[in-house]
N, C-alpha and C. Protein backbone atom coordinates (compact mmCIF):
# COMPACT_ATOMS: atom_id res chain seq x y z
N MET A 1 -162.03 -5.76 48.39
CA MET A 1 -161.04 -4.93 49.04
C MET A 1 -160.91 -5.34 50.49
N ASP A 2 -159.69 -5.30 50.98
CA ASP A 2 -159.43 -5.59 52.38
C ASP A 2 -159.14 -4.27 53.08
N VAL A 3 -160.05 -3.84 53.94
CA VAL A 3 -159.92 -2.57 54.63
C VAL A 3 -159.98 -2.85 56.13
N GLN A 4 -159.03 -2.26 56.87
CA GLN A 4 -159.04 -2.34 58.32
C GLN A 4 -158.69 -0.97 58.87
N VAL A 5 -159.20 -0.64 60.06
CA VAL A 5 -159.11 0.71 60.59
C VAL A 5 -158.68 0.68 62.04
N ILE A 6 -157.84 1.65 62.42
CA ILE A 6 -157.52 1.91 63.83
C ILE A 6 -158.03 3.31 64.14
N LEU A 7 -158.84 3.42 65.19
CA LEU A 7 -159.38 4.70 65.63
C LEU A 7 -158.96 4.95 67.08
N ASP A 8 -159.17 6.17 67.57
CA ASP A 8 -158.78 6.44 68.95
C ASP A 8 -159.90 6.13 69.93
N LYS A 9 -159.57 6.19 71.21
CA LYS A 9 -160.49 5.74 72.26
C LYS A 9 -161.76 6.58 72.38
N SER A 10 -161.77 7.78 71.79
CA SER A 10 -163.00 8.58 71.85
C SER A 10 -164.15 7.87 71.13
N GLN A 11 -163.84 6.97 70.22
CA GLN A 11 -164.86 6.25 69.46
C GLN A 11 -165.63 5.25 70.31
N ARG A 12 -165.07 4.87 71.47
CA ARG A 12 -165.75 3.91 72.35
C ARG A 12 -167.01 4.47 72.99
N THR A 13 -166.99 5.76 73.29
CA THR A 13 -168.07 6.32 74.09
C THR A 13 -169.09 7.11 73.30
N ALA A 14 -168.80 7.42 72.04
CA ALA A 14 -169.77 8.13 71.23
C ALA A 14 -170.99 7.25 71.01
N LYS A 15 -172.19 7.87 70.98
CA LYS A 15 -173.43 7.10 70.87
C LYS A 15 -173.46 6.25 69.61
N TYR A 16 -173.18 6.82 68.46
CA TYR A 16 -173.05 6.05 67.22
C TYR A 16 -171.83 6.61 66.51
N SER A 17 -170.71 5.98 66.76
CA SER A 17 -169.42 6.50 66.32
C SER A 17 -169.03 5.96 64.95
N SER A 18 -167.93 6.49 64.43
CA SER A 18 -167.36 5.96 63.19
C SER A 18 -167.00 4.49 63.38
N ALA A 19 -166.53 4.14 64.58
CA ALA A 19 -166.17 2.75 64.86
C ALA A 19 -167.40 1.85 64.72
N THR A 20 -168.52 2.28 65.26
CA THR A 20 -169.75 1.48 65.16
C THR A 20 -170.20 1.37 63.71
N PHE A 21 -170.15 2.48 62.98
CA PHE A 21 -170.54 2.46 61.57
C PHE A 21 -169.67 1.48 60.78
N LEU A 22 -168.35 1.59 60.95
CA LEU A 22 -167.43 0.71 60.23
C LEU A 22 -167.64 -0.74 60.61
N ARG A 23 -167.76 -1.02 61.89
CA ARG A 23 -167.99 -2.39 62.35
C ARG A 23 -169.27 -2.96 61.76
N ASN A 24 -170.32 -2.15 61.73
CA ASN A 24 -171.60 -2.60 61.18
C ASN A 24 -171.52 -2.85 59.67
N MET A 25 -170.55 -2.25 59.02
CA MET A 25 -170.33 -2.47 57.59
C MET A 25 -169.38 -3.64 57.35
N GLY A 26 -168.95 -4.31 58.43
CA GLY A 26 -168.08 -5.47 58.29
C GLY A 26 -166.60 -5.15 58.21
N VAL A 27 -166.22 -3.91 58.52
CA VAL A 27 -164.81 -3.51 58.48
C VAL A 27 -164.17 -3.81 59.84
N PRO A 28 -163.13 -4.65 59.87
CA PRO A 28 -162.43 -4.88 61.15
C PRO A 28 -161.90 -3.55 61.69
N THR A 29 -162.30 -3.23 62.91
CA THR A 29 -162.02 -1.93 63.51
C THR A 29 -161.34 -2.13 64.85
N PHE A 30 -160.31 -1.34 65.10
CA PHE A 30 -159.52 -1.46 66.32
C PHE A 30 -159.44 -0.11 67.01
N ILE A 31 -159.27 -0.13 68.32
CA ILE A 31 -159.13 1.08 69.12
C ILE A 31 -157.72 1.14 69.68
N ASP A 32 -157.01 2.24 69.39
CA ASP A 32 -155.69 2.51 69.96
C ASP A 32 -155.91 3.39 71.18
N ASP A 33 -155.84 2.78 72.37
CA ASP A 33 -156.06 3.55 73.59
C ASP A 33 -154.75 3.87 74.33
N LYS A 34 -153.63 3.70 73.65
CA LYS A 34 -152.33 4.05 74.24
C LYS A 34 -152.03 5.54 74.08
N HIS A 35 -152.76 6.21 73.21
CA HIS A 35 -152.49 7.62 72.92
C HIS A 35 -153.76 8.43 73.15
N ALA A 36 -153.60 9.72 73.43
CA ALA A 36 -154.76 10.58 73.69
C ALA A 36 -155.70 10.60 72.49
N ILE A 37 -155.15 10.80 71.31
CA ILE A 37 -155.95 10.73 70.08
C ILE A 37 -155.12 10.05 68.99
N ALA A 38 -155.82 9.44 68.07
CA ALA A 38 -155.16 8.88 66.88
C ALA A 38 -155.19 9.98 65.84
N HIS A 39 -154.09 10.68 65.68
CA HIS A 39 -154.07 11.85 64.83
C HIS A 39 -153.56 11.57 63.43
N ASN A 40 -153.20 10.32 63.15
CA ASN A 40 -152.77 9.94 61.81
C ASN A 40 -153.95 9.96 60.86
N LYS A 41 -153.71 10.45 59.69
CA LYS A 41 -154.71 10.41 58.61
C LYS A 41 -154.00 9.84 57.40
N VAL A 42 -153.95 8.52 57.34
CA VAL A 42 -153.14 7.86 56.32
C VAL A 42 -153.91 6.68 55.75
N MET A 43 -153.81 6.50 54.45
CA MET A 43 -154.27 5.29 53.79
C MET A 43 -153.11 4.74 52.98
N VAL A 44 -152.92 3.44 53.03
CA VAL A 44 -151.96 2.76 52.16
C VAL A 44 -152.79 1.89 51.21
N VAL A 45 -152.62 2.10 49.93
CA VAL A 45 -153.42 1.41 48.92
C VAL A 45 -152.49 0.54 48.07
N ASP A 46 -152.83 -0.75 47.98
CA ASP A 46 -152.10 -1.69 47.13
C ASP A 46 -150.60 -1.76 47.42
N GLY A 47 -150.19 -1.40 48.63
CA GLY A 47 -148.79 -1.54 49.02
C GLY A 47 -147.84 -0.53 48.43
N HIS A 48 -148.36 0.48 47.68
CA HIS A 48 -147.43 1.46 47.11
C HIS A 48 -147.97 2.88 47.05
N ILE A 49 -149.26 3.08 47.25
CA ILE A 49 -149.83 4.43 47.21
C ILE A 49 -150.13 4.87 48.64
N VAL A 50 -149.64 6.06 48.99
CA VAL A 50 -149.89 6.64 50.31
C VAL A 50 -150.76 7.87 50.12
N ILE A 51 -151.85 7.94 50.90
CA ILE A 51 -152.73 9.11 50.91
C ILE A 51 -152.66 9.66 52.33
N THR A 52 -152.24 10.91 52.47
CA THR A 52 -152.06 11.49 53.80
C THR A 52 -152.26 13.00 53.73
N GLY A 53 -152.27 13.65 54.87
CA GLY A 53 -152.43 15.10 54.96
C GLY A 53 -153.29 15.46 56.15
N SER A 54 -153.75 16.69 56.19
CA SER A 54 -154.58 17.13 57.32
C SER A 54 -156.03 16.72 57.16
N PHE A 55 -156.42 16.30 55.96
CA PHE A 55 -157.80 15.94 55.64
C PHE A 55 -158.29 14.81 56.54
N ASN A 56 -159.41 15.02 57.24
CA ASN A 56 -159.95 14.06 58.21
C ASN A 56 -160.98 13.10 57.62
N PHE A 57 -161.26 13.14 56.34
CA PHE A 57 -162.24 12.26 55.71
C PHE A 57 -163.60 12.40 56.37
N THR A 58 -163.99 13.66 56.61
CA THR A 58 -165.30 13.98 57.19
C THR A 58 -166.01 14.97 56.27
N LYS A 59 -167.30 15.16 56.49
CA LYS A 59 -168.07 16.13 55.72
C LYS A 59 -167.52 17.54 55.93
N ALA A 60 -167.19 17.87 57.19
CA ALA A 60 -166.65 19.21 57.49
C ALA A 60 -165.32 19.43 56.76
N ALA A 61 -164.46 18.41 56.72
CA ALA A 61 -163.18 18.55 56.02
C ALA A 61 -163.42 18.81 54.54
N GLU A 62 -164.42 18.15 54.00
CA GLU A 62 -164.71 18.27 52.58
C GLU A 62 -165.38 19.60 52.23
N GLU A 63 -166.28 20.08 53.08
CA GLU A 63 -167.10 21.23 52.73
C GLU A 63 -166.71 22.55 53.40
N SER A 64 -166.09 22.50 54.57
CA SER A 64 -165.91 23.72 55.35
C SER A 64 -164.47 24.08 55.68
N ASN A 65 -163.62 23.11 55.88
CA ASN A 65 -162.28 23.36 56.40
C ASN A 65 -161.27 23.64 55.30
N ALA A 66 -160.18 24.30 55.68
CA ALA A 66 -159.02 24.43 54.81
C ALA A 66 -158.14 23.22 55.08
N GLU A 67 -158.07 22.28 54.16
CA GLU A 67 -157.38 21.00 54.36
C GLU A 67 -156.36 20.79 53.25
N ASN A 68 -155.50 19.79 53.47
CA ASN A 68 -154.60 19.36 52.40
C ASN A 68 -154.60 17.85 52.34
N LEU A 69 -154.33 17.34 51.15
CA LEU A 69 -154.30 15.90 50.91
C LEU A 69 -153.18 15.63 49.91
N LEU A 70 -152.32 14.69 50.25
CA LEU A 70 -151.18 14.36 49.41
C LEU A 70 -151.28 12.89 49.01
N VAL A 71 -151.15 12.60 47.72
CA VAL A 71 -151.15 11.24 47.20
C VAL A 71 -149.77 10.98 46.61
N VAL A 72 -149.09 9.95 47.15
CA VAL A 72 -147.73 9.63 46.71
C VAL A 72 -147.68 8.17 46.29
N ASP A 73 -147.12 7.90 45.12
CA ASP A 73 -146.94 6.53 44.64
C ASP A 73 -145.49 6.15 44.91
N ASP A 74 -145.24 5.52 46.07
CA ASP A 74 -143.88 5.18 46.49
C ASP A 74 -143.94 3.97 47.42
N ALA A 75 -143.55 2.81 46.92
CA ALA A 75 -143.63 1.57 47.70
C ALA A 75 -142.80 1.64 48.99
N GLY A 76 -141.63 2.28 48.94
CA GLY A 76 -140.79 2.41 50.13
C GLY A 76 -141.48 3.23 51.21
N LEU A 77 -142.08 4.34 50.83
CA LEU A 77 -142.82 5.16 51.78
C LEU A 77 -144.04 4.41 52.32
N ALA A 78 -144.73 3.71 51.43
CA ALA A 78 -145.89 2.93 51.85
C ALA A 78 -145.49 1.88 52.88
N GLN A 79 -144.33 1.26 52.68
CA GLN A 79 -143.84 0.26 53.63
C GLN A 79 -143.58 0.88 55.00
N LYS A 80 -143.05 2.10 55.04
CA LYS A 80 -142.80 2.78 56.32
C LYS A 80 -144.11 3.11 57.03
N TYR A 81 -145.09 3.60 56.27
CA TYR A 81 -146.39 3.89 56.88
C TYR A 81 -147.07 2.61 57.36
N THR A 82 -146.93 1.54 56.61
CA THR A 82 -147.51 0.25 57.01
C THR A 82 -146.85 -0.25 58.29
N ALA A 83 -145.54 -0.11 58.41
CA ALA A 83 -144.84 -0.51 59.63
C ALA A 83 -145.34 0.29 60.82
N ASN A 84 -145.56 1.59 60.64
CA ASN A 84 -146.10 2.43 61.72
C ASN A 84 -147.50 1.98 62.09
N TRP A 85 -148.31 1.65 61.08
CA TRP A 85 -149.67 1.17 61.33
C TRP A 85 -149.63 -0.12 62.15
N ASN A 86 -148.73 -1.02 61.78
CA ASN A 86 -148.61 -2.29 62.50
C ASN A 86 -148.17 -2.09 63.94
N THR A 87 -147.32 -1.10 64.19
CA THR A 87 -146.91 -0.78 65.56
C THR A 87 -148.13 -0.40 66.39
N HIS A 88 -149.00 0.42 65.83
CA HIS A 88 -150.21 0.83 66.55
C HIS A 88 -151.21 -0.32 66.66
N LEU A 89 -151.32 -1.14 65.64
CA LEU A 89 -152.21 -2.30 65.69
C LEU A 89 -151.81 -3.25 66.82
N ALA A 90 -150.50 -3.41 67.03
CA ALA A 90 -150.01 -4.35 68.04
C ALA A 90 -150.48 -4.00 69.45
N HIS A 91 -150.75 -2.72 69.71
CA HIS A 91 -151.24 -2.36 71.06
C HIS A 91 -152.70 -1.88 71.04
N SER A 92 -153.38 -2.08 69.94
CA SER A 92 -154.80 -1.74 69.85
C SER A 92 -155.65 -2.94 70.22
N VAL A 93 -156.92 -2.67 70.50
CA VAL A 93 -157.85 -3.73 70.85
C VAL A 93 -158.99 -3.77 69.83
N PRO A 94 -159.52 -4.95 69.54
CA PRO A 94 -160.64 -5.04 68.59
C PRO A 94 -161.85 -4.27 69.10
N TYR A 95 -162.52 -3.56 68.22
CA TYR A 95 -163.75 -2.86 68.58
C TYR A 95 -164.92 -3.69 68.06
N ASP A 96 -165.81 -4.03 68.94
CA ASP A 96 -167.02 -4.74 68.53
C ASP A 96 -168.19 -4.17 69.31
N GLY A 97 -168.24 -2.86 69.38
CA GLY A 97 -169.29 -2.19 70.13
C GLY A 97 -168.99 -2.25 71.61
N ASN A 98 -169.88 -1.72 72.40
CA ASN A 98 -169.67 -1.68 73.85
C ASN A 98 -169.54 -3.06 74.46
N ALA A 99 -170.23 -4.07 73.90
CA ALA A 99 -170.15 -5.42 74.44
C ALA A 99 -168.73 -5.95 74.36
N ALA A 100 -168.06 -5.71 73.24
CA ALA A 100 -166.69 -6.21 73.09
C ALA A 100 -165.75 -5.48 74.02
N GLN A 101 -165.97 -4.20 74.24
CA GLN A 101 -165.07 -3.49 75.13
C GLN A 101 -165.23 -4.00 76.56
N ARG A 102 -166.45 -4.41 76.95
CA ARG A 102 -166.62 -5.02 78.27
C ARG A 102 -165.94 -6.38 78.30
N GLN A 103 -166.07 -7.14 77.20
CA GLN A 103 -165.51 -8.49 77.16
C GLN A 103 -164.00 -8.48 77.19
N PHE A 104 -163.37 -7.65 76.34
CA PHE A 104 -161.93 -7.70 76.20
C PHE A 104 -161.21 -6.78 77.17
N GLY A 105 -161.89 -5.75 77.68
CA GLY A 105 -161.20 -4.78 78.52
C GLY A 105 -160.33 -3.89 77.65
N SER A 106 -159.66 -2.96 78.28
CA SER A 106 -158.89 -2.01 77.49
C SER A 106 -157.53 -2.53 77.09
N ARG A 107 -157.06 -3.66 77.62
CA ARG A 107 -155.70 -4.09 77.30
C ARG A 107 -155.63 -5.48 76.70
N ALA A 108 -156.74 -6.02 76.25
CA ALA A 108 -156.69 -7.34 75.62
C ALA A 108 -155.96 -7.27 74.29
N THR A 109 -155.34 -8.36 73.88
CA THR A 109 -154.67 -8.40 72.59
C THR A 109 -155.06 -9.67 71.87
N VAL A 110 -154.91 -9.66 70.58
CA VAL A 110 -155.06 -10.86 69.77
C VAL A 110 -153.70 -11.08 69.14
N SER A 111 -152.94 -12.01 69.68
CA SER A 111 -151.54 -12.15 69.28
C SER A 111 -151.38 -12.49 67.81
N SER A 112 -152.35 -13.17 67.21
CA SER A 112 -152.19 -13.57 65.82
C SER A 112 -152.24 -12.39 64.87
N ARG A 113 -152.70 -11.22 65.32
CA ARG A 113 -152.76 -10.09 64.41
C ARG A 113 -151.50 -9.23 64.46
N ALA A 114 -150.63 -9.41 65.43
CA ALA A 114 -149.43 -8.60 65.52
C ALA A 114 -148.57 -8.79 64.29
N GLY A 115 -148.11 -7.70 63.74
CA GLY A 115 -147.25 -7.77 62.57
C GLY A 115 -147.99 -7.89 61.26
N ALA A 116 -149.31 -7.85 61.28
CA ALA A 116 -150.08 -7.99 60.05
C ALA A 116 -149.94 -6.73 59.21
N VAL A 117 -149.86 -6.88 57.92
CA VAL A 117 -149.82 -5.74 57.01
C VAL A 117 -151.26 -5.46 56.61
N GLN A 118 -151.73 -4.27 56.89
CA GLN A 118 -153.11 -3.91 56.60
C GLN A 118 -153.11 -2.91 55.45
N THR A 119 -153.62 -3.30 54.31
CA THR A 119 -153.68 -2.41 53.15
C THR A 119 -155.04 -2.53 52.49
N ILE A 120 -155.32 -1.60 51.63
CA ILE A 120 -156.54 -1.66 50.84
C ILE A 120 -156.18 -2.33 49.52
N GLY A 121 -156.96 -3.30 49.11
CA GLY A 121 -156.79 -3.91 47.81
C GLY A 121 -155.79 -5.03 47.76
N ALA A 122 -155.38 -5.57 48.90
CA ALA A 122 -154.42 -6.68 48.91
C ALA A 122 -155.01 -7.83 49.69
N GLU A 123 -154.75 -9.07 49.26
CA GLU A 123 -155.17 -10.23 50.02
C GLU A 123 -154.39 -10.26 51.32
N ASN A 124 -155.02 -10.67 52.40
CA ASN A 124 -154.35 -10.59 53.68
C ASN A 124 -154.80 -11.73 54.56
N GLN A 125 -153.94 -12.70 54.79
CA GLN A 125 -154.27 -13.84 55.63
C GLN A 125 -154.33 -13.47 57.11
N ASN A 126 -153.92 -12.26 57.47
CA ASN A 126 -153.99 -11.84 58.86
C ASN A 126 -155.21 -10.98 59.14
N SER A 127 -156.19 -10.96 58.24
CA SER A 127 -157.43 -10.25 58.48
C SER A 127 -158.09 -10.81 59.73
N ILE A 128 -158.75 -9.95 60.46
CA ILE A 128 -159.42 -10.39 61.68
C ILE A 128 -160.84 -10.85 61.32
N VAL A 129 -161.20 -12.03 61.76
CA VAL A 129 -162.54 -12.57 61.63
C VAL A 129 -162.99 -12.96 63.04
N TYR A 130 -164.22 -13.41 63.17
CA TYR A 130 -164.76 -13.75 64.48
C TYR A 130 -165.27 -15.18 64.47
N ILE A 131 -165.02 -15.90 65.55
CA ILE A 131 -165.51 -17.26 65.67
C ILE A 131 -166.43 -17.35 66.89
N THR A 132 -167.41 -18.24 66.79
CA THR A 132 -168.30 -18.48 67.92
C THR A 132 -167.72 -19.61 68.75
N LYS A 133 -168.07 -19.65 70.01
CA LYS A 133 -167.53 -20.69 70.89
C LYS A 133 -168.06 -22.07 70.55
N SER A 134 -169.24 -22.15 69.97
CA SER A 134 -169.83 -23.47 69.72
C SER A 134 -169.94 -23.84 68.24
N GLY A 135 -169.59 -22.91 67.35
CA GLY A 135 -169.79 -23.18 65.92
C GLY A 135 -168.53 -23.61 65.20
N THR A 136 -168.67 -23.77 63.90
CA THR A 136 -167.55 -24.17 63.05
C THR A 136 -167.31 -23.16 61.94
N LYS A 137 -167.99 -22.02 61.98
CA LYS A 137 -167.87 -20.98 60.95
C LYS A 137 -167.10 -19.79 61.50
N TYR A 138 -166.46 -19.04 60.58
CA TYR A 138 -165.91 -17.74 60.97
C TYR A 138 -166.70 -16.66 60.25
N HIS A 139 -166.74 -15.46 60.86
CA HIS A 139 -167.66 -14.40 60.45
C HIS A 139 -166.95 -13.05 60.37
N ARG A 140 -167.57 -12.12 59.61
CA ARG A 140 -167.16 -10.71 59.63
C ARG A 140 -167.72 -10.08 60.90
N ALA A 141 -167.08 -8.99 61.33
CA ALA A 141 -167.65 -8.20 62.43
C ALA A 141 -169.04 -7.74 62.02
N GLY A 142 -169.98 -7.77 62.93
CA GLY A 142 -171.33 -7.32 62.65
C GLY A 142 -172.25 -8.38 62.08
N CYS A 143 -171.76 -9.59 61.83
CA CYS A 143 -172.62 -10.66 61.30
C CYS A 143 -173.75 -10.94 62.29
N ARG A 144 -174.93 -11.20 61.80
CA ARG A 144 -176.08 -11.43 62.68
C ARG A 144 -175.95 -12.70 63.51
N PHE A 145 -175.04 -13.59 63.14
CA PHE A 145 -174.87 -14.84 63.89
C PHE A 145 -173.88 -14.70 65.05
N LEU A 146 -173.27 -13.54 65.21
CA LEU A 146 -172.33 -13.35 66.31
C LEU A 146 -173.05 -12.89 67.56
N GLY A 147 -172.48 -13.21 68.70
CA GLY A 147 -173.01 -12.78 69.98
C GLY A 147 -171.94 -12.04 70.77
N GLN A 148 -172.23 -11.70 72.02
CA GLN A 148 -171.30 -10.93 72.84
C GLN A 148 -170.05 -11.71 73.23
N SER A 149 -170.09 -13.01 73.21
CA SER A 149 -168.94 -13.78 73.68
C SER A 149 -168.07 -14.31 72.54
N ASP A 150 -168.30 -13.85 71.32
CA ASP A 150 -167.51 -14.35 70.20
C ASP A 150 -166.13 -13.71 70.18
N VAL A 151 -165.18 -14.41 69.58
CA VAL A 151 -163.78 -14.09 69.73
C VAL A 151 -163.16 -13.64 68.40
N PRO A 152 -162.41 -12.49 68.40
CA PRO A 152 -161.68 -12.12 67.19
C PRO A 152 -160.46 -13.02 67.03
N ILE A 153 -160.14 -13.34 65.79
CA ILE A 153 -159.04 -14.26 65.51
C ILE A 153 -158.54 -13.94 64.10
N SER A 154 -157.29 -14.23 63.81
CA SER A 154 -156.81 -13.98 62.45
C SER A 154 -157.47 -14.98 61.50
N LEU A 155 -157.62 -14.57 60.26
CA LEU A 155 -158.18 -15.45 59.24
C LEU A 155 -157.34 -16.72 59.12
N ALA A 156 -156.02 -16.55 59.12
CA ALA A 156 -155.13 -17.71 58.98
C ALA A 156 -155.34 -18.70 60.13
N GLU A 157 -155.51 -18.20 61.36
CA GLU A 157 -155.72 -19.09 62.50
C GLU A 157 -157.08 -19.76 62.43
N ALA A 158 -158.10 -19.04 62.00
CA ALA A 158 -159.43 -19.65 61.85
C ALA A 158 -159.37 -20.81 60.86
N LYS A 159 -158.68 -20.61 59.75
CA LYS A 159 -158.55 -21.67 58.76
C LYS A 159 -157.75 -22.84 59.32
N ARG A 160 -156.66 -22.52 60.05
CA ARG A 160 -155.83 -23.58 60.63
C ARG A 160 -156.64 -24.46 61.58
N ARG A 161 -157.57 -23.84 62.29
CA ARG A 161 -158.42 -24.59 63.23
C ARG A 161 -159.58 -25.32 62.55
N GLY A 162 -159.73 -25.15 61.24
CA GLY A 162 -160.76 -25.86 60.51
C GLY A 162 -162.09 -25.14 60.38
N TYR A 163 -162.15 -23.86 60.76
CA TYR A 163 -163.38 -23.09 60.60
C TYR A 163 -163.58 -22.79 59.12
N THR A 164 -164.82 -22.66 58.70
CA THR A 164 -165.16 -22.34 57.32
C THR A 164 -165.93 -21.01 57.29
N PRO A 165 -165.94 -20.30 56.15
CA PRO A 165 -166.60 -18.98 56.11
C PRO A 165 -168.11 -19.08 56.21
N CYS A 166 -168.70 -18.12 56.88
CA CYS A 166 -170.15 -18.00 56.99
C CYS A 166 -170.71 -17.65 55.61
N ALA A 167 -171.75 -18.34 55.21
CA ALA A 167 -172.36 -18.09 53.90
C ALA A 167 -173.19 -16.81 53.90
N THR A 168 -173.57 -16.31 55.07
CA THR A 168 -174.40 -15.12 55.15
C THR A 168 -173.58 -13.83 55.05
N CYS A 169 -172.54 -13.70 55.88
CA CYS A 169 -171.75 -12.46 55.89
C CYS A 169 -170.57 -12.48 54.93
N LYS A 170 -170.27 -13.66 54.39
CA LYS A 170 -169.22 -13.83 53.38
C LYS A 170 -167.90 -13.17 53.75
N PRO A 171 -167.24 -13.63 54.82
CA PRO A 171 -165.93 -13.08 55.18
C PRO A 171 -164.88 -13.49 54.15
N PRO A 172 -163.68 -12.89 54.20
CA PRO A 172 -162.64 -13.26 53.24
C PRO A 172 -162.30 -14.74 53.35
N GLU A 173 -161.89 -15.34 52.25
CA GLU A 173 -161.55 -16.76 52.26
C GLU A 173 -160.07 -16.97 52.09
């Protein structure tokens, strides 16, 4: 599955945030710091299923809160939500823990990711991977071979430059 996430800037300062958890699990994670909070709760699955509602995908939402969740199978609607996601991705910055936020600053961009369609369950040549300055491999976020100065890049660009996938973290090919 290809999963990518945009979270709001509050995730930067939490001691162990959802952003850190997702990054450590190898999920490309981005921070949208153009808005006070990222209040969207949307998943697009396989380019045609939209999951949305007030549900925050938290333990409290599941066990304590009065929430709603809507699942719609509509490719046209999924395309609109994906376009909105891409708009936010275009002004978001890669999250790679506090080190990455120091490295990239709050307004850095990775131009190769603009316009990428991010869905669950679809192959995506615009997935973000990481390259080292001195190596020839590309890696998932959180790979043990990455350091503070490693650079996020689209999968397509990494391949174009001749990088090959890391055998340890097994990024998308």
